[in-house]
Amino acid sequence: MITKFGMSERLGLINYDNDSDEVFIGRDFGHTSRGYGEKVAGTIDEEVKRIIDECYLKARTLIQEYHPVLEKCAQLLLEKEKITRSEFEALFADSEVEG
């Protein structure tokens, strides 16, 4: 998303992807060509790490916030094996009433 679609405010709307996915058509595994230098490669790595870290923290926060609902969902799935959307949404609605 950073190198192909430019989804980084830090790097801007530049496509750093070289579109060379065809490894077996005349391309050597050991020699990768890219149209940018080591500094940009380092910045791309930093941006990827930043996005992964932010998403990890967001996922962790959501799991902690909704842990009781997830426990109820797990119990219900152990009982029924399959639940409907309305049953799933009701678990969240019930938690809002309790909280």
Protein backbone atom coordinates (compact mmCIF):
# COMPACT_ATOMS: atom_id res chain seq x y z
CA MET A 1 0.00 0.00 0.00
CA ILE A 2 2.97 2.29 0.48
CA THR A 3 5.07 1.39 -2.53
CA LYS A 4 2.29 0.65 -4.99
CA PHE A 5 -0.55 2.98 -4.01
CA GLY A 6 1.33 5.84 -2.30
CA MET A 7 -0.59 5.51 0.97
CA SER A 8 1.96 7.30 3.11
CA GLU A 9 1.91 10.97 3.98
CA ARG A 10 5.64 10.82 4.57
CA LEU A 11 6.51 9.42 1.11
CA GLY A 12 3.66 10.97 -0.82
CA LEU A 13 1.75 9.78 -3.84
CA ILE A 14 4.70 8.19 -5.62
CA ASN A 15 4.59 4.65 -6.98
CA TYR A 16 7.79 2.93 -5.85
CA ASP A 17 6.64 -0.49 -7.08
CA ASN A 18 8.57 -1.83 -10.06
CA ASP A 19 5.74 -4.16 -11.21
CA SER A 20 8.17 -7.02 -11.82
CA ASP A 21 6.34 -9.93 -10.23
CA GLU A 22 7.48 -12.37 -12.94
CA VAL A 23 10.41 -13.99 -11.15
CA PHE A 24 10.83 -16.78 -13.68
CA ILE A 25 10.89 -14.70 -16.85
CA GLY A 26 14.52 -13.65 -17.12
CA ARG A 27 14.81 -12.28 -13.60
CA ASP A 28 17.39 -13.51 -11.13
CA PHE A 29 16.45 -14.15 -7.50
CA GLY A 30 19.60 -12.48 -6.17
CA HIS A 31 19.34 -9.32 -8.22
CA THR A 32 16.36 -7.15 -7.50
CA SER A 33 16.15 -3.85 -9.32
CA ARG A 34 14.33 -0.91 -7.88
CA GLY A 35 14.00 2.65 -8.97
CA TYR A 36 14.99 4.23 -5.66
CA GLY A 37 17.98 4.34 -3.36
CA GLU A 38 18.80 3.00 0.10
CA LYS A 39 17.52 6.11 1.88
CA VAL A 40 14.07 5.78 0.31
CA ALA A 41 14.13 2.02 0.99
CA GLY A 42 14.83 2.78 4.65
CA THR A 43 11.97 5.29 4.76
CA ILE A 44 9.63 2.71 3.20
CA ASP A 45 10.69 0.19 5.86
CA GLU A 46 10.05 2.76 8.61
CA GLU A 47 6.60 3.55 7.22
CA VAL A 48 5.69 -0.14 6.97
CA LYS A 49 6.80 -0.64 10.59
CA ARG A 50 4.85 2.42 11.72
CA ILE A 51 1.65 1.19 10.06
CA ILE A 52 2.06 -2.33 11.48
CA ASP A 53 2.73 -0.95 14.98
CA GLU A 54 -0.32 1.37 14.80
CA CYS A 55 -2.59 -1.43 13.58
CA TYR A 56 -1.28 -3.79 16.26
CA LEU A 57 -2.03 -1.25 19.01
CA LYS A 58 -5.49 -0.57 17.59
CA ALA A 59 -6.28 -4.31 17.38
CA ARG A 60 -4.99 -4.88 20.91
CA THR A 61 -7.09 -1.98 22.25
CA LEU A 62 -10.23 -3.28 20.53
CA ILE A 63 -9.68 -6.81 21.83
CA GLN A 64 -9.17 -5.52 25.37
CA GLU A 65 -12.18 -3.20 25.13
CA TYR A 66 -14.50 -5.92 23.82
CA HIS A 67 -12.99 -8.87 25.69
CA PRO A 68 -16.21 -9.67 27.60
CA VAL A 69 -18.18 -9.66 24.33
CA LEU A 70 -15.61 -11.90 22.68
CA GLU A 71 -15.85 -14.34 25.61
CA LYS A 72 -19.65 -14.45 25.25
CA CYS A 73 -19.28 -14.93 21.51
CA ALA A 74 -16.86 -17.81 22.03
CA GLN A 75 -19.24 -19.47 24.50
CA LEU A 76 -22.16 -19.09 22.11
CA LEU A 77 -20.11 -20.52 19.24
CA LEU A 78 -19.13 -23.51 21.39
CA GLU A 79 -22.82 -24.14 22.03
CA LYS A 80 -24.16 -23.52 18.53
CA GLU A 81 -21.12 -23.73 16.22
CA LYS A 82 -22.70 -21.09 13.99
CA ILE A 83 -24.46 -17.82 14.80
CA THR A 84 -26.32 -15.28 12.71
CA ARG A 85 -25.36 -11.68 12.23
CA SER A 86 -28.21 -10.54 14.45
CA GLU A 87 -27.04 -12.88 17.23
CA PHE A 88 -23.51 -11.51 16.91
CA GLU A 89 -24.70 -7.91 16.96
CA ALA A 90 -26.94 -8.65 19.95
CA LEU A 91 -23.84 -9.58 21.96
CA PHE A 92 -22.51 -6.06 21.44
CA ALA A 93 -25.89 -4.47 22.15
CA ASP A 94 -26.15 -6.44 25.41
CA SER A 95 -22.66 -5.31 26.45
CA GLU A 96 -23.59 -1.65 25.90
CA VAL A 97 -26.63 -2.05 28.17
CA GLU A 98 -24.52 -3.74 30.86
CA GLY A 99 -21.68 -1.19 30.59
